[in-house]
C-alpha atoms as a PDB file:
ATOM      1  CA  MET A   1       0.000   0.000   0.000  1.00  0.00           C
ATOM      2  CA  THR A   2       1.083   3.524  -0.703  1.00  0.00           C
ATOM      3  CA  ASP A   3       1.203   6.258   1.898  1.00  0.00           C
ATOM      4  CA  HIS A   4      -0.333   9.495   0.695  1.00  0.00           C
ATOM      5  CA  TRP A   5       0.637  11.489   3.751  1.00  0.00           C
ATOM      6  CA  ILE A   6       4.278  11.668   4.702  1.00  0.00           C
ATOM      7  CA  TRP A   7       4.468   9.996   8.097  1.00  0.00           C
ATOM      8  CA  VAL A   8       6.322  11.832  10.836  1.00  0.00           C
ATOM      9  CA  GLU A   9       6.537  10.187  14.243  1.00  0.00           C
ATOM     10  CA  PRO A  10       5.097  12.372  17.028  1.00  0.00           C
ATOM     11  CA  GLU A  11       7.787  14.337  18.839  1.00  0.00           C
ATOM     12  CA  ASP A  12       7.955  16.399  22.015  1.00  0.00           C
ATOM     13  CA  GLY A  13       4.675  14.969  23.292  1.00  0.00           C
ATOM     14  CA  PHE A  14       2.570  16.319  20.390  1.00  0.00           C
ATOM     15  CA  ALA A  15       0.376  14.140  18.194  1.00  0.00           C
ATOM     16  CA  ILE A  16      -2.358  14.688  15.622  1.00  0.00           C
ATOM     17  CA  LEU A  17      -5.720  13.138  16.500  1.00  0.00           C
ATOM     18  CA  ASP A  18      -9.210  13.353  15.114  1.00  0.00           C
ATOM     19  CA  PHE A  19     -11.342  15.113  17.737  1.00  0.00           C
ATOM     20  CA  GLN A  20     -14.469  12.990  17.151  1.00  0.00           C
ATOM     21  CA  THR A  21     -12.396   9.805  17.463  1.00  0.00           C
ATOM     22  CA  PHE A  22     -10.888  11.170  20.681  1.00  0.00           C
ATOM     23  CA  LEU A  23     -14.357  11.888  22.128  1.00  0.00           C
ATOM     24  CA  THR A  24     -15.654   8.459  21.133  1.00  0.00           C
ATOM     25  CA  LYS A  25     -12.676   6.662  22.692  1.00  0.00           C
ATOM     26  CA  CYS A  26     -12.945   8.775  25.877  1.00  0.00           C
ATOM     27  CA  SER A  27     -16.603   7.854  26.266  1.00  0.00           C
ATOM     28  CA  GLN A  28     -15.693   4.142  26.062  1.00  0.00           C
ATOM     29  CA  ARG A  29     -12.998   4.213  28.772  1.00  0.00           C
ATOM     30  CA  ILE A  30     -12.309   5.709  32.163  1.00  0.00           C
ATOM     31  CA  ASP A  31      -8.503   5.461  31.978  1.00  0.00           C
ATOM     32  CA  LEU A  32      -7.252   8.477  29.981  1.00  0.00           C
ATOM     33  CA  ASN A  33      -3.714   7.074  29.729  1.00  0.00           C
ATOM     34  CA  ALA A  34      -4.992   3.833  28.145  1.00  0.00           C
ATOM     35  CA  THR A  35      -7.206   5.857  25.797  1.00  0.00           C
ATOM     36  CA  VAL A  36      -4.340   8.049  24.596  1.00  0.00           C
ATOM     37  CA  THR A  37      -2.031   5.037  24.249  1.00  0.00           C
ATOM     38  CA  ASP A  38      -4.663   3.325  22.098  1.00  0.00           C
ATOM     39  CA  LEU A  39      -5.167   6.449  19.964  1.00  0.00           C
ATOM     40  CA  LEU A  40      -1.414   6.764  19.391  1.00  0.00           C
ATOM     41  CA  THR A  41      -1.394   3.359  17.641  1.00  0.00           C
ATOM     42  CA  TYR A  42      -3.283   5.210  14.850  1.00  0.00           C
ATOM     43  CA  ASP A  43      -5.394   2.101  14.196  1.00  0.00           C
ATOM     44  CA  TRP A  44      -8.397   4.452  13.974  1.00  0.00           C
ATOM     45  CA  LEU A  45      -7.141   5.908  10.673  1.00  0.00           C
ATOM     46  CA  PRO A  46      -8.756   4.653   7.449  1.00  0.00           C
ATOM     47  CA  LYS A  47      -6.728   1.988   5.625  1.00  0.00           C
ATOM     48  CA  GLU A  48      -6.170   1.888   1.884  1.00  0.00           C
ATOM     49  CA  GLY A  49      -7.791  -1.178   0.335  1.00  0.00           C
ATOM     50  CA  VAL A  50     -10.053  -1.615   3.370  1.00  0.00           C
ATOM     51  CA  ASN A  51     -11.820   1.736   3.859  1.00  0.00           C
ATOM     52  CA  PHE A  52     -10.885   3.520   0.631  1.00  0.00           C
ATOM     53  CA  ARG A  53      -9.136   3.034  -2.681  1.00  0.00           C
ATOM     54  CA  VAL A  54      -7.006   5.423  -4.708  1.00  0.00           C
ATOM     55  CA  ARG A  55      -7.491   5.950  -8.417  1.00  0.00           C
ATOM     56  CA  PHE A  56      -5.204   8.121 -10.527  1.00  0.00           C
ATOM     57  CA  ASP A  57      -7.187  10.262 -12.953  1.00  0.00           C
ATOM     58  CA  ALA A  58      -5.481  11.787 -15.988  1.00  0.00           C
ATOM     59  CA  SER A  59      -6.357  15.256 -17.256  1.00  0.00           C
ATOM     60  CA  THR A  60      -5.112  16.802 -20.483  1.00  0.00           C
ATOM     61  CA  VAL A  61      -4.681  20.511 -21.205  1.00  0.00           C
ATOM     62  CA  ASN A  62      -2.763  21.856 -24.222  1.00  0.00           C
ATOM     63  CA  ALA A  63      -1.206  18.426 -24.861  1.00  0.00           C
ATOM     64  CA  SER A  64       0.070  18.205 -21.285  1.00  0.00           C
ATOM     65  CA  ILE A  65      -1.137  15.352 -19.112  1.00  0.00           C
ATOM     66  CA  ILE A  66      -1.235  15.344 -15.334  1.00  0.00           C
ATOM     67  CA  GLU A  67      -2.365  12.487 -13.117  1.00  0.00           C
ATOM     68  CA  SER A  68      -3.985  13.267  -9.789  1.00  0.00           C
ATOM     69  CA  PRO A  69      -4.987  10.814  -7.076  1.00  0.00           C
ATOM     70  CA  SER A  70      -8.652  10.625  -6.192  1.00  0.00           C
ATOM     71  CA  PHE A  71      -9.822   8.846  -3.056  1.00  0.00           C
ATOM     72  CA  HIS A  72     -12.962   6.679  -3.080  1.00  0.00           C
ATOM     73  CA  TYR A  73     -14.612   5.172  -0.011  1.00  0.00           C
ATOM     74  CA  ILE A  74     -15.265   1.431  -0.137  1.00  0.00           C
ATOM     75  CA  LYS A  75     -18.799   0.673   0.987  1.00  0.00           C
END
C-alpha cells in the first residue's frame, strides 16, 4: 500500500488526533492514559484497500497530461 501522507513520528509529546475519534474513545474508557495510548497506535485511521481506494485520474490541457490521485470510499 502507498502512503499518501508523509508519516512523521510524534515528537515532544505532540500528536495529531481526530477530535471525534478522541471523544468516542474517551466515552468508552475511564482510563485516559490507556485511551491516549490506544489512539497513538493510529489504528483508527482509514486503511487503503479496506476503507478507501485510490485511483489516478489523468487530465489533459494543451497536450500536457497530469495524473492526480482521487480517493474513493469502499462501501
